[in-house]
Protein backbone atom coordinates (compact mmCIF):
# COMPACT_ATOMS: atom_id res chain seq x y z
CA ASN A 1 9.78 12.64 -4.84
CA ALA A 2 8.29 13.30 -1.44
CA PRO A 3 6.70 10.29 0.29
CA ASN A 4 2.99 10.19 -0.50
CA GLY A 5 3.43 13.29 -2.66
CA VAL A 6 1.85 13.92 -6.02
CA ASP A 7 4.47 11.95 -7.94
CA SER A 8 5.20 9.31 -5.32
CA ASN A 9 4.42 5.62 -5.65
CA PRO A 10 3.26 4.41 -2.21
CA CYS A 11 2.45 0.92 -3.52
CA VAL A 12 5.08 -1.70 -2.83
CA TYR A 13 4.98 -5.35 -3.94
CA LEU A 14 5.76 -7.86 -1.20
CA ASN A 15 6.13 -11.54 -2.05
CA LEU A 16 4.81 -13.37 1.00
CA GLY A 17 4.59 -16.75 -0.70
CA MET A 18 1.36 -18.23 -2.07
CA THR A 19 0.15 -14.70 -2.79
CA GLY A 20 -1.05 -15.92 -6.19
CA LEU A 21 -3.82 -17.66 -4.28
CA THR A 22 -4.95 -14.63 -2.30
CA HIS A 23 -8.59 -13.67 -2.86
CA THR A 24 -9.00 -10.78 -0.40
CA ILE A 25 -7.09 -9.22 2.49
CA ASN A 26 -8.03 -7.79 5.86
CA VAL A 27 -5.93 -5.77 8.33
CA ALA A 28 -6.81 -5.44 12.01
CA ARG A 29 -4.89 -5.15 15.29
CA GLY A 30 -1.58 -4.92 13.41
CA LEU A 31 -2.24 -8.26 11.72
CA LEU A 32 -2.55 -9.01 8.01
CA PHE A 33 -5.04 -11.71 7.01
CA LEU A 34 -4.72 -13.23 3.51
CA HIS A 35 -7.82 -15.13 2.40
CA THR A 36 -7.07 -17.84 -0.14
CA ALA A 37 -10.65 -18.92 -1.00
CA TYR A 38 -8.97 -21.92 -2.56
CA SER A 39 -9.32 -25.58 -1.63
CA SER A 40 -8.06 -26.15 1.90
CA ASN A 41 -5.19 -23.62 2.00
CA GLY A 42 -6.94 -21.56 4.67
CA CYS A 43 -6.01 -18.05 5.81
CA ARG A 44 -2.42 -16.91 6.21
CA VAL A 45 -1.78 -14.49 9.08
CA TYR A 46 1.18 -12.10 9.42
CA ASP A 47 2.30 -9.59 12.04
CA LEU A 48 2.76 -6.06 10.64
CA THR A 49 3.83 -4.28 13.83
CA THR A 50 7.55 -5.06 13.88
CA ASN A 51 8.32 -4.49 10.19
CA PRO A 52 5.37 -3.95 7.83
CA MET A 53 7.69 -4.15 4.81
CA ASN A 54 8.81 -7.61 5.91
CA PRO A 55 5.86 -9.02 7.89
CA LYS A 56 6.43 -11.97 10.18
CA TYR A 57 4.48 -15.09 9.18
CA LEU A 58 2.47 -16.31 12.18
CA PHE A 59 0.19 -19.19 11.11
CA ASN A 60 -2.34 -20.47 8.61
CA THR A 61 -5.67 -22.19 9.08
CA SER A 62 -5.21 -24.80 6.36
CA GLY A 63 -7.05 -28.08 6.61
CA SER A 64 -10.05 -29.94 5.34
CA GLY A 65 -12.99 -27.57 4.80
CA ARG A 66 -10.96 -24.46 5.63
CA ASP A 67 -11.12 -22.42 2.43
CA CYS A 68 -11.01 -19.07 4.23
CA HIS A 69 -13.00 -17.08 1.71
CA ASP A 70 -13.27 -13.96 3.89
CA SER A 71 -12.98 -12.85 7.51
CA GLY A 72 -13.46 -10.02 9.95
CA VAL A 73 -12.18 -9.05 13.40
CA ILE A 74 -14.46 -8.02 16.23
CA GLU A 75 -12.58 -6.30 19.01
CA ASN A 76 -13.44 -6.42 22.71
CA VAL A 77 -16.17 -9.02 22.91
CA ASN A 78 -16.25 -9.62 26.66
CA GLY A 79 -12.55 -8.74 26.78
CA ARG A 80 -11.56 -10.86 23.78
CA ASP A 81 -10.72 -10.02 20.18
CA LEU A 82 -12.42 -12.48 17.86
CA TRP A 83 -11.62 -13.37 14.28
CA VAL A 84 -14.63 -14.70 12.34
CA VAL A 85 -13.73 -16.71 9.24
CA SER A 86 -16.10 -17.66 6.40
CA ASP A 87 -14.80 -21.02 5.24
CA GLY A 88 -16.39 -21.10 1.79
CA GLY A 89 -16.85 -24.67 0.59
CA GLY A 90 -16.39 -25.80 4.19
CA ARG A 91 -19.94 -24.42 4.58
CA ARG A 92 -19.39 -22.91 8.02
CA GLN A 93 -18.20 -19.89 10.00
CA ARG A 94 -15.37 -20.35 12.50
CA ILE A 95 -14.56 -18.03 15.40
CA TRP A 96 -10.98 -17.81 16.71
CA ASP A 97 -9.74 -15.94 19.79
CA ILE A 98 -6.87 -13.73 18.57
CA THR A 99 -6.58 -11.64 21.75
CA ASN A 100 -2.96 -12.70 22.35
CA VAL A 101 -1.84 -13.05 18.73
CA GLY A 102 0.95 -10.62 17.86
CA ALA A 103 4.67 -10.35 17.11
CA SER A 104 5.65 -12.81 19.85
CA TRP A 105 3.09 -15.45 18.79
CA PRO A 106 4.83 -18.81 18.12
CA THR A 107 5.11 -19.44 14.39
CA GLY A 108 2.66 -22.07 13.20
CA ALA A 109 0.56 -22.17 16.38
CA LEU A 110 -3.17 -21.71 15.85
CA PRO A 111 -5.11 -19.45 18.22
CA PRO A 112 -7.90 -21.06 20.26
CA LEU A 113 -11.02 -21.96 18.28
CA VAL A 114 -13.93 -20.43 20.20
CA GLY A 115 -16.66 -22.07 18.14
CA GLN A 116 -18.07 -22.78 14.74
CA THR A 117 -21.44 -23.00 13.06
CA ASN A 118 -22.84 -26.29 11.87
CA GLN A 119 -22.19 -27.14 8.24
CA ILE A 120 -25.15 -26.31 6.04
CA SER A 121 -25.53 -28.50 2.98
CA GLY A 122 -25.68 -26.73 -0.36
CA ILE A 123 -24.34 -23.33 0.76
CA TYR A 124 -21.04 -21.52 0.34
CA ALA A 125 -19.88 -19.60 3.45
CA HIS A 126 -18.98 -16.45 1.53
CA SER A 127 -18.96 -13.62 4.07
CA ASN A 128 -20.10 -12.61 7.52
CA TRP A 129 -21.00 -9.52 9.47
CA VAL A 130 -21.58 -8.98 13.17
CA SER A 131 -24.33 -6.71 14.50
CA ASP A 132 -23.28 -3.45 16.15
CA ASP A 133 -24.18 -4.85 19.58
CA LYS A 134 -21.92 -7.88 18.84
CA ARG A 135 -24.74 -10.31 19.60
CA TYR A 136 -25.59 -11.63 16.13
CA LEU A 137 -23.53 -13.10 13.31
CA PHE A 138 -25.00 -12.70 9.84
CA SER A 139 -23.68 -15.10 7.24
CA TRP A 140 -24.23 -15.39 3.51
């Protein structure tokens, strides 16, 4: 079978640990983001650039109110690459600076937290989207 041919199977199962809790995934800048959307397990982030079939674990955002239901990356915002995380039951959006996150990032170290929205009672921070001009964050 030729790779990616008619009879090929390009799907490969990788056990990265805790994958049974993964809700959605996101790939940007050579990084894999696993969204748990479960309790306070947070997002798990892996580097795909060195060996995508055996990604290097970099860090997770676990902690109180850090469900990590979904996220998105916005590149080149005033020279920085930002990762915007919807923290579900944590009822807020968090923005992390991932400009320097990559294969050489120290395992377990969190990137700088740029900011976060106030918690809003009675909502679930499900998703977010940034306007094309990168000035507005829409959250629902």
